[in-house]
């Protein structure tokens, strides 16, 4: 059974940085895309960033381009989200997820992902 555990959330002032981590277990994940999503109160879950199984291929939501960076360490089954220049509108619960399919080129929508973590709260104060 696939398990994803996120960590690294917390409270930070606007302009600050946080680094989220998500460690997966249950099977090797090097052939799957991995993604970060967020959900604010009253809003739908939306993609923040995703990283392909293929080295160097990433996707970012327009709202975080230039501020956030996604990376992965396949040896550790871990995906990271480095968040810089945080804004109050980045406040949300952040979830990591694994793509439904191996070797997929489709990883920009929540529907492309299957297993999900429990989420970690990120709060950015103004």
PDB file of N, CA and C in Angstrom:
ATOM      1  N   UNK A   1       0.838  -1.185   0.000  1.00  0.00           N
ATOM      2  CA  UNK A   1       0.000   0.000   0.000  1.00  0.00           C
ATOM      3  C   UNK A   1       0.875   1.237   0.000  1.00  0.00           C
ATOM      4  N   UNK A   2       0.516   2.187  -0.844  1.00  0.00           N
ATOM      5  CA  UNK A   2       1.286   3.410  -0.956  1.00  0.00           C
ATOM      6  C   UNK A   2       0.978   4.339   0.212  1.00  0.00           C
ATOM      7  N   UNK A   3       2.021   4.893   0.782  1.00  0.00           N
ATOM      8  CA  UNK A   3       1.861   5.901   1.834  1.00  0.00           C
ATOM      9  C   UNK A   3       2.728   7.107   1.508  1.00  0.00           C
ATOM     10  N   UNK A   4       2.171   8.282   1.711  1.00  0.00           N
ATOM     11  CA  UNK A   4       2.887   9.532   1.501  1.00  0.00           C
ATOM     12  C   UNK A   4       2.798  10.354   2.777  1.00  0.00           C
ATOM     13  N   UNK A   5       3.933  10.844   3.245  1.00  0.00           N
ATOM     14  CA  UNK A   5       3.962  11.625   4.472  1.00  0.00           C
ATOM     15  C   UNK A   5       4.647  12.959   4.190  1.00  0.00           C
ATOM     16  N   UNK A   6       3.875  14.034   4.352  1.00  0.00           N
ATOM     17  CA  UNK A   6       4.410  15.383   4.156  1.00  0.00           C
ATOM     18  C   UNK A   6       4.927  15.952   5.465  1.00  0.00           C
ATOM     19  N   UNK A   7       5.878  16.853   5.354  1.00  0.00           N
ATOM     20  CA  UNK A   7       6.394  17.574   6.519  1.00  0.00           C
ATOM     21  C   UNK A   7       6.961  18.912   6.061  1.00  0.00           C
ATOM     22  N   UNK A   8       7.190  19.796   7.029  1.00  0.00           N
ATOM     23  CA  UNK A   8       7.840  21.065   6.724  1.00  0.00           C
ATOM     24  C   UNK A   8       6.927  22.267   6.720  1.00  0.00           C
ATOM     25  N   UNK A   9       5.631  22.045   6.888  1.00  0.00           N
ATOM     26  CA  UNK A   9       4.727  23.191   6.929  1.00  0.00           C
ATOM     27  C   UNK A   9       4.890  23.984   8.207  1.00  0.00           C
ATOM     28  N   UNK A  10       4.222  25.116   8.264  1.00  0.00           N
ATOM     29  CA  UNK A  10       4.293  25.946   9.456  1.00  0.00           C
ATOM     30  C   UNK A  10       3.835  27.344   9.189  1.00  0.00           C
ATOM     31  N   UNK A  11       4.136  28.230  10.133  1.00  0.00           N
ATOM     32  CA  UNK A  11       3.766  29.642  10.061  1.00  0.00           C
ATOM     33  C   UNK A  11       5.006  30.453   9.694  1.00  0.00           C
ATOM     34  N   UNK A  12       4.852  31.302   8.696  1.00  0.00           N
ATOM     35  CA  UNK A  12       5.975  32.125   8.250  1.00  0.00           C
ATOM     36  C   UNK A  12       5.447  33.494   7.857  1.00  0.00           C
ATOM     37  N   UNK A  13       6.287  34.497   7.988  1.00  0.00           N
ATOM     38  CA  UNK A  13       5.890  35.839   7.578  1.00  0.00           C
ATOM     39  C   UNK A  13       6.004  35.986   6.060  1.00  0.00           C
ATOM     40  N   UNK A  14       5.233  36.887   5.519  1.00  0.00           N
ATOM     41  CA  UNK A  14       5.306  37.180   4.096  1.00  0.00           C
ATOM     42  C   UNK A  14       6.742  37.520   3.704  1.00  0.00           C
ATOM     43  N   UNK A  15       7.176  36.967   2.584  1.00  0.00           N
ATOM     44  CA  UNK A  15       8.536  37.157   2.124  1.00  0.00           C
ATOM     45  C   UNK A  15       9.483  36.063   2.584  1.00  0.00           C
ATOM     46  N   UNK A  16       9.030  35.237   3.505  1.00  0.00           N
ATOM     47  CA  UNK A  16       9.858  34.168   4.027  1.00  0.00           C
ATOM     48  C   UNK A  16       9.854  32.930   3.151  1.00  0.00           C
ATOM     49  N   UNK A  17      10.512  31.885   3.652  1.00  0.00           N
ATOM     50  CA  UNK A  17      10.663  30.639   2.895  1.00  0.00           C
ATOM     51  C   UNK A  17      10.313  29.438   3.762  1.00  0.00           C
ATOM     52  N   UNK A  18       9.874  28.403   3.107  1.00  0.00           N
ATOM     53  CA  UNK A  18       9.655  27.096   3.725  1.00  0.00           C
ATOM     54  C   UNK A  18      10.051  26.024   2.724  1.00  0.00           C
ATOM     55  N   UNK A  19      10.441  24.880   3.242  1.00  0.00           N
ATOM     56  CA  UNK A  19      10.732  23.733   2.390  1.00  0.00           C
ATOM     57  C   UNK A  19       9.887  22.558   2.847  1.00  0.00           C
ATOM     58  N   UNK A  20       9.015  22.104   1.966  1.00  0.00           N
ATOM     59  CA  UNK A  20       8.187  20.946   2.251  1.00  0.00           C
ATOM     60  C   UNK A  20       8.871  19.681   1.734  1.00  0.00           C
ATOM     61  N   UNK A  21       8.658  18.599   2.460  1.00  0.00           N
ATOM     62  CA  UNK A  21       9.171  17.299   2.046  1.00  0.00           C
ATOM     63  C   UNK A  21       8.028  16.299   2.031  1.00  0.00           C
ATOM     64  N   UNK A  22       8.126  15.329   1.151  1.00  0.00           N
ATOM     65  CA  UNK A  22       7.131  14.261   1.086  1.00  0.00           C
ATOM     66  C   UNK A  22       7.874  12.968   0.802  1.00  0.00           C
ATOM     67  N   UNK A  23       7.779  12.039   1.730  1.00  0.00           N
ATOM     68  CA  UNK A  23       8.431  10.753   1.576  1.00  0.00           C
ATOM     69  C   UNK A  23       7.389   9.684   1.290  1.00  0.00           C
ATOM     70  N   UNK A  24       7.644   8.918   0.249  1.00  0.00           N
ATOM     71  CA  UNK A  24       6.717   7.878  -0.180  1.00  0.00           C
ATOM     72  C   UNK A  24       7.247   6.504   0.212  1.00  0.00           C
ATOM     73  N   UNK A  25       6.343   5.614   0.482  1.00  0.00           N
ATOM     74  CA  UNK A  25       6.714   4.240   0.799  1.00  0.00           C
ATOM     75  C   UNK A  25       5.700   3.295   0.189  1.00  0.00           C
ATOM     76  N   UNK A  26       6.077   2.046   0.059  1.00  0.00           N
ATOM     77  CA  UNK A  26       5.176   1.050  -0.494  1.00  0.00           C
ATOM     78  C   UNK A  26       5.645   0.475  -1.807  1.00  0.00           C
ATOM     79  N   UNK A  27       6.387   1.280  -2.570  1.00  0.00           N
ATOM     80  CA  UNK A  27       6.960   0.787  -3.820  1.00  0.00           C
ATOM     81  C   UNK A  27       7.961   1.829  -4.304  1.00  0.00           C
ATOM     82  N   UNK A  28       8.804   1.509  -5.244  1.00  0.00           N
ATOM     83  CA  UNK A  28       9.699   2.523  -5.831  1.00  0.00           C
ATOM     84  C   UNK A  28       8.895   3.529  -6.652  1.00  0.00           C
ATOM     85  N   UNK A  29       9.304   4.783  -6.604  1.00  0.00           N
ATOM     86  CA  UNK A  29       8.543   5.822  -7.270  1.00  0.00           C
ATOM     87  C   UNK A  29       9.295   6.511  -8.393  1.00  0.00           C
ATOM     88  N   UNK A  30      10.436   6.007  -8.735  1.00  0.00           N
ATOM     89  CA  UNK A  30      11.249   6.688  -9.743  1.00  0.00           C
ATOM     90  C   UNK A  30      10.580   6.744 -11.112  1.00  0.00           C
ATOM     91  N   UNK A  31       9.653   5.842 -11.396  1.00  0.00           N
ATOM     92  CA  UNK A  31       8.979   5.829 -12.693  1.00  0.00           C
ATOM     93  C   UNK A  31       7.636   6.564 -12.675  1.00  0.00           C
ATOM     94  N   UNK A  32       7.337   7.247 -11.586  1.00  0.00           N
ATOM     95  CA  UNK A  32       6.080   7.987 -11.451  1.00  0.00           C
ATOM     96  C   UNK A  32       6.352   9.482 -11.333  1.00  0.00           C
ATOM     97  N   UNK A  33       5.436  10.278 -11.864  1.00  0.00           N
ATOM     98  CA  UNK A  33       5.476  11.707 -11.594  1.00  0.00           C
ATOM     99  C   UNK A  33       4.985  11.947 -10.167  1.00  0.00           C
ATOM    100  N   UNK A  34       5.478  13.023  -9.565  1.00  0.00           N
ATOM    101  CA  UNK A  34       5.037  13.400  -8.223  1.00  0.00           C
ATOM    102  C   UNK A  34       4.666  14.875  -8.246  1.00  0.00           C
ATOM    103  N   UNK A  35       3.701  15.213  -7.424  1.00  0.00           N
ATOM    104  CA  UNK A  35       3.214  16.590  -7.468  1.00  0.00           C
ATOM    105  C   UNK A  35       2.877  17.139  -6.102  1.00  0.00           C
ATOM    106  N   UNK A  36       2.821  18.447  -6.050  1.00  0.00           N
ATOM    107  CA  UNK A  36       2.359  19.178  -4.865  1.00  0.00           C
ATOM    108  C   UNK A  36       1.089  19.942  -5.242  1.00  0.00           C
ATOM    109  N   UNK A  37       0.108  19.876  -4.369  1.00  0.00           N
ATOM    110  CA  UNK A  37      -1.156  20.557  -4.553  1.00  0.00           C
ATOM    111  C   UNK A  37      -1.452  21.350  -3.291  1.00  0.00           C
ATOM    112  N   UNK A  38      -2.391  22.259  -3.391  1.00  0.00           N
ATOM    113  CA  UNK A  38      -2.809  22.993  -2.198  1.00  0.00           C
ATOM    114  C   UNK A  38      -4.301  23.256  -2.262  1.00  0.00           C
ATOM    115  N   UNK A  39      -4.846  23.386  -1.059  1.00  0.00           N
ATOM    116  CA  UNK A  39      -6.279  23.673  -0.951  1.00  0.00           C
ATOM    117  C   UNK A  39      -6.485  24.671   0.174  1.00  0.00           C
ATOM    118  N   UNK A  40      -7.013  25.812  -0.185  1.00  0.00           N
ATOM    119  CA  UNK A  40      -7.357  26.843   0.787  1.00  0.00           C
ATOM    120  C   UNK A  40      -8.827  26.683   1.172  1.00  0.00           C
ATOM    121  N   UNK A  41      -9.226  27.199   2.327  1.00  0.00           N
ATOM    122  CA  UNK A  41     -10.634  27.066   2.739  1.00  0.00           C
ATOM    123  C   UNK A  41     -11.592  27.620   1.697  1.00  0.00           C
ATOM    124  N   UNK A  42     -12.587  26.821   1.348  1.00  0.00           N
ATOM    125  CA  UNK A  42     -13.574  27.257   0.390  1.00  0.00           C
ATOM    126  C   UNK A  42     -13.163  27.177  -1.057  1.00  0.00           C
ATOM    127  N   UNK A  43     -11.972  26.645  -1.308  1.00  0.00           N
ATOM    128  CA  UNK A  43     -11.478  26.558  -2.679  1.00  0.00           C
ATOM    129  C   UNK A  43     -11.186  25.106  -3.041  1.00  0.00           C
ATOM    130  N   UNK A  44     -11.142  24.851  -4.322  1.00  0.00           N
ATOM    131  CA  UNK A  44     -10.822  23.511  -4.789  1.00  0.00           C
ATOM    132  C   UNK A  44      -9.320  23.246  -4.694  1.00  0.00           C
ATOM    133  N   UNK A  45      -8.993  21.978  -4.626  1.00  0.00           N
ATOM    134  CA  UNK A  45      -7.591  21.592  -4.620  1.00  0.00           C
ATOM    135  C   UNK A  45      -6.980  21.909  -5.979  1.00  0.00           C
ATOM    136  N   UNK A  46      -5.821  22.543  -5.962  1.00  0.00           N
ATOM    137  CA  UNK A  46      -5.185  22.974  -7.209  1.00  0.00           C
ATOM    138  C   UNK A  46      -3.719  22.578  -7.226  1.00  0.00           C
ATOM    139  N   UNK A  47      -3.223  22.338  -8.408  1.00  0.00           N
ATOM    140  CA  UNK A  47      -1.830  21.960  -8.523  1.00  0.00           C
ATOM    141  C   UNK A  47      -0.932  23.162  -8.253  1.00  0.00           C
ATOM    142  N   UNK A  48       0.178  22.889  -7.587  1.00  0.00           N
ATOM    143  CA  UNK A  48       1.200  23.910  -7.352  1.00  0.00           C
ATOM    144  C   UNK A  48       2.394  23.642  -8.269  1.00  0.00           C
ATOM    145  N   UNK A  49       2.872  22.407  -8.214  1.00  0.00           N
ATOM    146  CA  UNK A  49       4.027  22.022  -9.030  1.00  0.00           C
ATOM    147  C   UNK A  49       4.057  20.512  -9.167  1.00  0.00           C
ATOM    148  N   UNK A  50       4.682  20.047 -10.225  1.00  0.00           N
ATOM    149  CA  UNK A  50       4.832  18.612 -10.427  1.00  0.00           C
ATOM    150  C   UNK A  50       6.158  18.337 -11.108  1.00  0.00           C
ATOM    151  N   UNK A  51       6.650  17.138 -10.890  1.00  0.00           N
ATOM    152  CA  UNK A  51       7.929  16.756 -11.478  1.00  0.00           C
ATOM    153  C   UNK A  51       7.783  15.381 -12.104  1.00  0.00           C
ATOM    154  N   UNK A  52       8.247  15.286 -13.323  1.00  0.00           N
ATOM    155  CA  UNK A  52       8.130  14.049 -14.082  1.00  0.00           C
ATOM    156  C   UNK A  52       9.087  12.987 -13.573  1.00  0.00           C
ATOM    157  N   UNK A  53       8.821  11.756 -13.997  1.00  0.00           N
ATOM    158  CA  UNK A  53       9.788  10.680 -13.796  1.00  0.00           C
ATOM    159  C   UNK A  53      11.021  10.959 -14.640  1.00  0.00           C
ATOM    160  N   UNK A  54      10.825  11.708 -15.732  1.00  0.00           N
ATOM    161  CA  UNK A  54      11.912  12.028 -16.651  1.00  0.00           C
ATOM    162  C   UNK A  54      12.731  13.188 -16.105  1.00  0.00           C
ATOM    163  N   UNK A  55      14.010  13.047 -15.975  1.00  0.00           N
ATOM    164  CA  UNK A  55      14.829  14.105 -15.372  1.00  0.00           C
ATOM    165  C   UNK A  55      14.673  15.456 -16.060  1.00  0.00           C
ATOM    166  N   UNK A  56      14.503  16.494 -15.254  1.00  0.00           N
ATOM    167  CA  UNK A  56      14.456  17.852 -15.772  1.00  0.00           C
ATOM    168  C   UNK A  56      13.105  18.350 -16.199  1.00  0.00           C
ATOM    169  N   UNK A  57      12.082  17.520 -16.149  1.00  0.00           N
ATOM    170  CA  UNK A  57      10.759  17.955 -16.598  1.00  0.00           C
ATOM    171  C   UNK A  57       9.903  18.321 -15.403  1.00  0.00           C
ATOM    172  N   UNK A  58       9.462  19.575 -15.392  1.00  0.00           N
ATOM    173  CA  UNK A  58       8.640  20.057 -14.288  1.00  0.00           C
ATOM    174  C   UNK A  58       7.468  20.875 -14.815  1.00  0.00           C
ATOM    175  N   UNK A  59       6.518  21.096 -13.933  1.00  0.00           N
ATOM    176  CA  UNK A  59       5.348  21.931 -14.244  1.00  0.00           C
ATOM    177  C   UNK A  59       5.071  22.811 -13.035  1.00  0.00           C
ATOM    178  N   UNK A  60       4.758  24.076 -13.272  1.00  0.00           N
ATOM    179  CA  UNK A  60       4.428  25.004 -12.190  1.00  0.00           C
ATOM    180  C   UNK A  60       3.152  25.762 -12.522  1.00  0.00           C
ATOM    181  N   UNK A  61       2.354  25.971 -11.507  1.00  0.00           N
ATOM    182  CA  UNK A  61       1.232  26.885 -11.659  1.00  0.00           C
ATOM    183  C   UNK A  61       1.773  28.292 -11.866  1.00  0.00           C
ATOM    184  N   UNK A  62       1.065  29.077 -12.647  1.00  0.00           N
ATOM    185  CA  UNK A  62       1.534  30.441 -12.936  1.00  0.00           C
ATOM    186  C   UNK A  62       1.753  31.252 -11.659  1.00  0.00           C
ATOM    187  N   UNK A  63       0.934  31.000 -10.666  1.00  0.00           N
ATOM    188  CA  UNK A  63       0.989  31.795  -9.438  1.00  0.00           C
ATOM    189  C   UNK A  63       2.262  31.579  -8.631  1.00  0.00           C
ATOM    190  N   UNK A  64       2.994  30.502  -8.916  1.00  0.00           N
ATOM    191  CA  UNK A  64       4.193  30.215  -8.119  1.00  0.00           C
ATOM    192  C   UNK A  64       5.478  30.212  -8.952  1.00  0.00           C
ATOM    193  N   UNK A  65       5.355  30.408 -10.245  1.00  0.00           N
ATOM    194  CA  UNK A  65       6.542  30.400 -11.104  1.00  0.00           C
ATOM    195  C   UNK A  65       7.532  31.468 -10.646  1.00  0.00           C
ATOM    196  N   UNK A  66       8.775  31.068 -10.557  1.00  0.00           N
ATOM    197  CA  UNK A  66       9.827  31.982 -10.134  1.00  0.00           C
ATOM    198  C   UNK A  66       9.994  32.077  -8.623  1.00  0.00           C
ATOM    199  N   UNK A  67       9.053  31.518  -7.877  1.00  0.00           N
ATOM    200  CA  UNK A  67       9.140  31.566  -6.405  1.00  0.00           C
ATOM    201  C   UNK A  67       9.320  30.179  -5.795  1.00  0.00           C
ATOM    202  N   UNK A  68       8.696  29.182  -6.400  1.00  0.00           N
ATOM    203  CA  UNK A  68       8.747  27.818  -5.863  1.00  0.00           C
ATOM    204  C   UNK A  68       9.612  26.937  -6.759  1.00  0.00           C
ATOM    205  N   UNK A  69      10.227  25.922  -6.152  1.00  0.00           N
ATOM    206  CA  UNK A  69      11.006  24.954  -6.913  1.00  0.00           C
ATOM    207  C   UNK A  69      10.708  23.547  -6.423  1.00  0.00           C
ATOM    208  N   UNK A  70      10.459  22.635  -7.359  1.00  0.00           N
ATOM    209  CA  UNK A  70      10.192  21.246  -7.012  1.00  0.00           C
ATOM    210  C   UNK A  70      11.391  20.401  -7.422  1.00  0.00           C
ATOM    211  N   UNK A  71      11.717  19.431  -6.580  1.00  0.00           N
ATOM    212  CA  UNK A  71      12.823  18.521  -6.876  1.00  0.00           C
ATOM    213  C   UNK A  71      12.511  17.170  -6.250  1.00  0.00           C
ATOM    214  N   UNK A  72      13.265  16.171  -6.634  1.00  0.00           N
ATOM    215  CA  UNK A  72      13.035  14.835  -6.097  1.00  0.00           C
ATOM    216  C   UNK A  72      14.365  14.135  -5.892  1.00  0.00           C
ATOM    217  N   UNK A  73      14.363  13.218  -4.927  1.00  0.00           N
ATOM    218  CA  UNK A  73      15.510  12.350  -4.671  1.00  0.00           C
ATOM    219  C   UNK A  73      14.971  10.926  -4.731  1.00  0.00           C
ATOM    220  N   UNK A  74      15.160  10.271  -5.851  1.00  0.00           N
ATOM    221  CA  UNK A  74      14.589   8.936  -6.023  1.00  0.00           C
ATOM    222  C   UNK A  74      15.198   7.913  -5.064  1.00  0.00           C
ATOM    223  N   UNK A  75      16.445   8.110  -4.700  1.00  0.00           N
ATOM    224  CA  UNK A  75      17.073   7.180  -3.758  1.00  0.00           C
ATOM    225  C   UNK A  75      16.377   7.213  -2.408  1.00  0.00           C
ATOM    226  N   UNK A  76      15.783   8.371  -2.083  1.00  0.00           N
ATOM    227  CA  UNK A  76      15.089   8.529  -0.795  1.00  0.00           C
ATOM    228  C   UNK A  76      13.576   8.474  -0.955  1.00  0.00           C
ATOM    229  N   UNK A  77      13.089   8.256  -2.194  1.00  0.00           N
ATOM    230  CA  UNK A  77      11.639   8.259  -2.446  1.00  0.00           C
ATOM    231  C   UNK A  77      11.001   9.543  -1.920  1.00  0.00           C
ATOM    232  N   UNK A  78      11.680  10.661  -2.105  1.00  0.00           N
ATOM    233  CA  UNK A  78      11.237  11.922  -1.515  1.00  0.00           C
ATOM    234  C   UNK A  78      11.154  13.008  -2.576  1.00  0.00           C
ATOM    235  N   UNK A  79      10.105  13.821  -2.463  1.00  0.00           N
ATOM    236  CA  UNK A  79       9.942  14.995  -3.310  1.00  0.00           C
ATOM    237  C   UNK A  79       9.900  16.227  -2.412  1.00  0.00           C
ATOM    238  N   UNK A  80      10.500  17.305  -2.886  1.00  0.00           N
ATOM    239  CA  UNK A  80      10.611  18.535  -2.108  1.00  0.00           C
ATOM    240  C   UNK A  80       9.911  19.680  -2.823  1.00  0.00           C
ATOM    241  N   UNK A  81       9.468  20.635  -2.030  1.00  0.00           N
ATOM    242  CA  UNK A  81       8.938  21.880  -2.582  1.00  0.00           C
ATOM    243  C   UNK A  81       9.583  23.028  -1.814  1.00  0.00           C
ATOM    244  N   UNK A  82      10.486  23.720  -2.462  1.00  0.00           N
ATOM    245  CA  UNK A  82      11.106  24.898  -1.880  1.00  0.00           C
ATOM    246  C   UNK A  82      10.247  26.104  -2.209  1.00  0.00           C
ATOM    247  N   UNK A  83       9.776  26.786  -1.179  1.00  0.00           N
ATOM    248  CA  UNK A  83       8.872  27.916  -1.366  1.00  0.00           C
ATOM    249  C   UNK A  83       9.549  29.179  -0.866  1.00  0.00           C
ATOM    250  N   UNK A  84       9.787  30.101  -1.767  1.00  0.00           N
ATOM    251  CA  UNK A  84      10.425  31.373  -1.431  1.00  0.00           C
ATOM    252  C   UNK A  84       9.472  32.524  -1.698  1.00  0.00           C
ATOM    253  N   UNK A  85       9.790  33.670  -1.136  1.00  0.00           N
ATOM    254  CA  UNK A  85       8.976  34.880  -1.333  1.00  0.00           C
ATOM    255  C   UNK A  85       7.499  34.586  -1.099  1.00  0.00           C
ATOM    256  N   UNK A  86       7.223  33.942   0.000  1.00  0.00           N
ATOM    257  CA  UNK A  86       5.853  33.532   0.288  1.00  0.00           C
ATOM    258  C   UNK A  86       4.936  34.730   0.488  1.00  0.00           C
ATOM    259  N   UNK A  87       3.689  34.529   0.055  1.00  0.00           N
ATOM    260  CA  UNK A  87       2.665  35.563   0.146  1.00  0.00           C
ATOM    261  C   UNK A  87       1.500  35.030   0.980  1.00  0.00           C
ATOM    262  N   UNK A  88       0.707  35.921   1.564  1.00  0.00           N
ATOM    263  CA  UNK A  88      -0.453  35.450   2.328  1.00  0.00           C
ATOM    264  C   UNK A  88      -1.385  34.557   1.507  1.00  0.00           C
ATOM    265  N   UNK A  89      -1.484  34.811   0.209  1.00  0.00           N
ATOM    266  CA  UNK A  89      -2.353  33.986  -0.627  1.00  0.00           C
ATOM    267  C   UNK A  89      -1.807  32.578  -0.873  1.00  0.00           C
ATOM    268  N   UNK A  90      -0.604  32.296  -0.408  1.00  0.00           N
ATOM    269  CA  UNK A  90      -0.068  30.932  -0.468  1.00  0.00           C
ATOM    270  C   UNK A  90      -0.555  30.082   0.702  1.00  0.00           C
ATOM    271  N   UNK A  91      -1.252  30.709   1.639  1.00  0.00           N
ATOM    272  CA  UNK A  91      -1.779  29.980   2.789  1.00  0.00           C
ATOM    273  C   UNK A  91      -2.756  28.904   2.343  1.00  0.00           C
ATOM    274  N   UNK A  92      -2.500  27.668   2.763  1.00  0.00           N
ATOM    275  CA  UNK A  92      -3.331  26.527   2.366  1.00  0.00           C
ATOM    276  C   UNK A  92      -2.798  25.267   3.032  1.00  0.00           C
ATOM    277  N   UNK A  93      -3.553  24.192   2.879  1.00  0.00           N
ATOM    278  CA  UNK A  93      -3.026  22.873   3.199  1.00  0.00           C
ATOM    279  C   UNK A  93      -2.364  22.341   1.928  1.00  0.00           C
ATOM    280  N   UNK A  94      -1.141  21.908   2.064  1.00  0.00           N
ATOM    281  CA  UNK A  94      -0.370  21.405   0.930  1.00  0.00           C
ATOM    282  C   UNK A  94      -0.316  19.880   0.975  1.00  0.00           C
ATOM    283  N   UNK A  95      -0.603  19.274  -0.174  1.00  0.00           N
ATOM    284  CA  UNK A  95      -0.623  17.827  -0.296  1.00  0.00           C
ATOM    285  C   UNK A  95       0.374  17.384  -1.356  1.00  0.00           C
ATOM    286  N   UNK A  96       1.000  16.248  -1.123  1.00  0.00           N
ATOM    287  CA  UNK A  96       1.774  15.649  -2.203  1.00  0.00           C
ATOM    288  C   UNK A  96       1.004  14.448  -2.741  1.00  0.00           C
ATOM    289  N   UNK A  97       1.344  14.063  -3.966  1.00  0.00           N
ATOM    290  CA  UNK A  97       0.631  12.978  -4.620  1.00  0.00           C
ATOM    291  C   UNK A  97       1.534  12.304  -5.634  1.00  0.00           C
ATOM    292  N   UNK A  98       1.167  11.087  -5.979  1.00  0.00           N
ATOM    293  CA  UNK A  98       1.894  10.291  -6.961  1.00  0.00           C
ATOM    294  C   UNK A  98       0.986  10.055  -8.164  1.00  0.00           C
ATOM    295  N   UNK A  99       1.570  10.115  -9.354  1.00  0.00           N
ATOM    296  CA  UNK A  99       0.765   9.927 -10.556  1.00  0.00           C
ATOM    297  C   UNK A  99       0.157   8.533 -10.606  1.00  0.00           C
ATOM    298  N   UNK A 100      -0.981   8.465 -11.307  1.00  0.00           N
ATOM    299  CA  UNK A 100      -1.667   7.173 -11.434  1.00  0.00           C
ATOM    300  C   UNK A 100      -0.865   6.204 -12.291  1.00  0.00           C
ATOM    301  N   UNK A 101      -0.192   6.743 -13.291  1.00  0.00           N
ATOM    302  CA  UNK A 101       0.482   5.904 -14.268  1.00  0.00           C
ATOM    303  C   UNK A 101       1.988   6.077 -14.204  1.00  0.00           C
ATOM    304  N   UNK A 102       2.687   5.025 -14.537  1.00  0.00           N
ATOM    305  CA  UNK A 102       4.124   5.098 -14.687  1.00  0.00           C
ATOM    306  C   UNK A 102       4.453   5.728 -16.042  1.00  0.00           C
ATOM    307  N   UNK A 103       5.611   6.375 -16.075  1.00  0.00           N
ATOM    308  CA  UNK A 103       6.152   6.923 -17.332  1.00  0.00           C
ATOM    309  C   UNK A 103       5.130   7.806 -18.052  1.00  0.00           C
ATOM    310  N   UNK A 104       4.329   8.513 -17.284  1.00  0.00           N
ATOM    311  CA  UNK A 104       3.306   9.353 -17.883  1.00  0.00           C
ATOM    312  C   UNK A 104       3.861  10.719 -18.269  1.00  0.00           C
ATOM    313  N   UNK A 105       3.276  11.296 -19.319  1.00  0.00           N
ATOM    314  CA  UNK A 105       3.619  12.656 -19.719  1.00  0.00           C
ATOM    315  C   UNK A 105       2.518  13.622 -19.290  1.00  0.00           C
ATOM    316  N   UNK A 106       1.544  13.117 -18.560  1.00  0.00           N
ATOM    317  CA  UNK A 106       0.420  13.917 -18.106  1.00  0.00           C
ATOM    318  C   UNK A 106       0.485  14.041 -16.593  1.00  0.00           C
ATOM    319  N   UNK A 107       0.839  15.229 -16.129  1.00  0.00           N
ATOM    320  CA  UNK A 107       0.976  15.405 -14.682  1.00  0.00           C
ATOM    321  C   UNK A 107       0.702  16.851 -14.274  1.00  0.00           C
ATOM    322  N   UNK A 108      -0.279  17.480 -14.885  1.00  0.00           N
ATOM    323  CA  UNK A 108      -0.595  18.871 -14.570  1.00  0.00           C
ATOM    324  C   UNK A 108      -1.981  19.057 -13.991  1.00  0.00           C
ATOM    325  N   UNK A 109      -2.670  17.961 -13.691  1.00  0.00           N
ATOM    326  CA  UNK A 109      -4.041  18.034 -13.175  1.00  0.00           C
ATOM    327  C   UNK A 109      -4.203  17.078 -12.015  1.00  0.00           C
ATOM    328  N   UNK A 110      -5.055  17.437 -11.035  1.00  0.00           N
ATOM    329  CA  UNK A 110      -5.302  16.494  -9.943  1.00  0.00           C
ATOM    330  C   UNK A 110      -5.775  15.130 -10.434  1.00  0.00           C
ATOM    331  N   UNK A 111      -6.468  15.084 -11.552  1.00  0.00           N
ATOM    332  CA  UNK A 111      -6.976  13.814 -12.080  1.00  0.00           C
ATOM    333  C   UNK A 111      -5.853  12.890 -12.536  1.00  0.00           C
ATOM    334  N   UNK A 112      -4.673  13.436 -12.743  1.00  0.00           N
ATOM    335  CA  UNK A 112      -3.528  12.615 -13.156  1.00  0.00           C
ATOM    336  C   UNK A 112      -2.891  11.880 -11.993  1.00  0.00           C
ATOM    337  N   UNK A 113      -3.334  12.203 -10.782  1.00  0.00           N
ATOM    338  CA  UNK A 113      -2.692  11.670  -9.583  1.00  0.00           C
ATOM    339  C   UNK A 113      -3.609  10.760  -8.794  1.00  0.00           C
ATOM    340  N   UNK A 114      -3.004   9.747  -8.154  1.00  0.00           N
ATOM    341  CA  UNK A 114      -3.780   8.776  -7.405  1.00  0.00           C
ATOM    342  C   UNK A 114      -3.568   8.895  -5.920  1.00  0.00           C
ATOM    343  N   UNK A 115      -2.513   8.342  -5.403  1.00  0.00           N
ATOM    344  CA  UNK A 115      -2.275   8.337  -3.963  1.00  0.00           C
ATOM    345  C   UNK A 115      -1.931   9.730  -3.458  1.00  0.00           C
ATOM    346  N   UNK A 116      -2.466  10.075  -2.273  1.00  0.00           N
ATOM    347  CA  UNK A 116      -2.297  11.403  -1.687  1.00  0.00           C
ATOM    348  C   UNK A 116      -1.810  11.296  -0.251  1.00  0.00           C
ATOM    349  N   UNK A 117      -1.066  12.314   0.161  1.00  0.00           N
ATOM    350  CA  UNK A 117      -0.678  12.407   1.554  1.00  0.00           C
ATOM    351  C   UNK A 117      -1.780  13.029   2.384  1.00  0.00           C
ATOM    352  N   UNK A 118      -1.511  13.204   3.679  1.00  0.00           N
ATOM    353  CA  UNK A 118      -2.523  13.731   4.598  1.00  0.00           C
ATOM    354  C   UNK A 118      -2.531  15.251   4.629  1.00  0.00           C
ATOM    355  N   UNK A 119      -1.499  15.863   4.068  1.00  0.00           N
ATOM    356  CA  UNK A 119      -1.440  17.318   3.994  1.00  0.00           C
ATOM    357  C   UNK A 119      -0.659  17.943   5.133  1.00  0.00           C
ATOM    358  N   UNK A 120      -0.104  19.108   4.850  1.00  0.00           N
ATOM    359  CA  UNK A 120       0.605  19.895   5.858  1.00  0.00           C
ATOM    360  C   UNK A 120       0.202  21.354   5.698  1.00  0.00           C
ATOM    361  N   UNK A 121      -0.089  22.005   6.808  1.00  0.00           N
ATOM    362  CA  UNK A 121      -0.593  23.381   6.777  1.00  0.00           C
ATOM    363  C   UNK A 121       0.548  24.370   6.573  1.00  0.00           C
ATOM    364  N   UNK A 122       0.342  25.287   5.652  1.00  0.00           N
ATOM    365  CA  UNK A 122       1.255  26.409   5.457  1.00  0.00           C
ATOM    366  C   UNK A 122       0.454  27.684   5.673  1.00  0.00           C
ATOM    367  N   UNK A 123       0.913  28.508   6.590  1.00  0.00           N
ATOM    368  CA  UNK A 123       0.244  29.769   6.889  1.00  0.00           C
ATOM    369  C   UNK A 123       1.244  30.907   6.730  1.00  0.00           C
ATOM    370  N   UNK A 124       0.898  31.869   5.895  1.00  0.00           N
ATOM    371  CA  UNK A 124       1.765  33.015   5.644  1.00  0.00           C
ATOM    372  C   UNK A 124       1.068  34.251   6.187  1.00  0.00           C
ATOM    373  N   UNK A 125       1.706  34.878   7.147  1.00  0.00           N
ATOM    374  CA  UNK A 125       1.121  36.073   7.763  1.00  0.00           C
ATOM    375  C   UNK A 125       1.619  37.334   7.055  1.00  0.00           C
ATOM    376  N   UNK A 126       0.767  38.323   7.035  1.00  0.00           N
ATOM    377  CA  UNK A 126       1.118  39.580   6.348  1.00  0.00           C
ATOM    378  C   UNK A 126       1.809  40.558   7.277  1.00  0.00           C
TER     379      UNK A 126
END
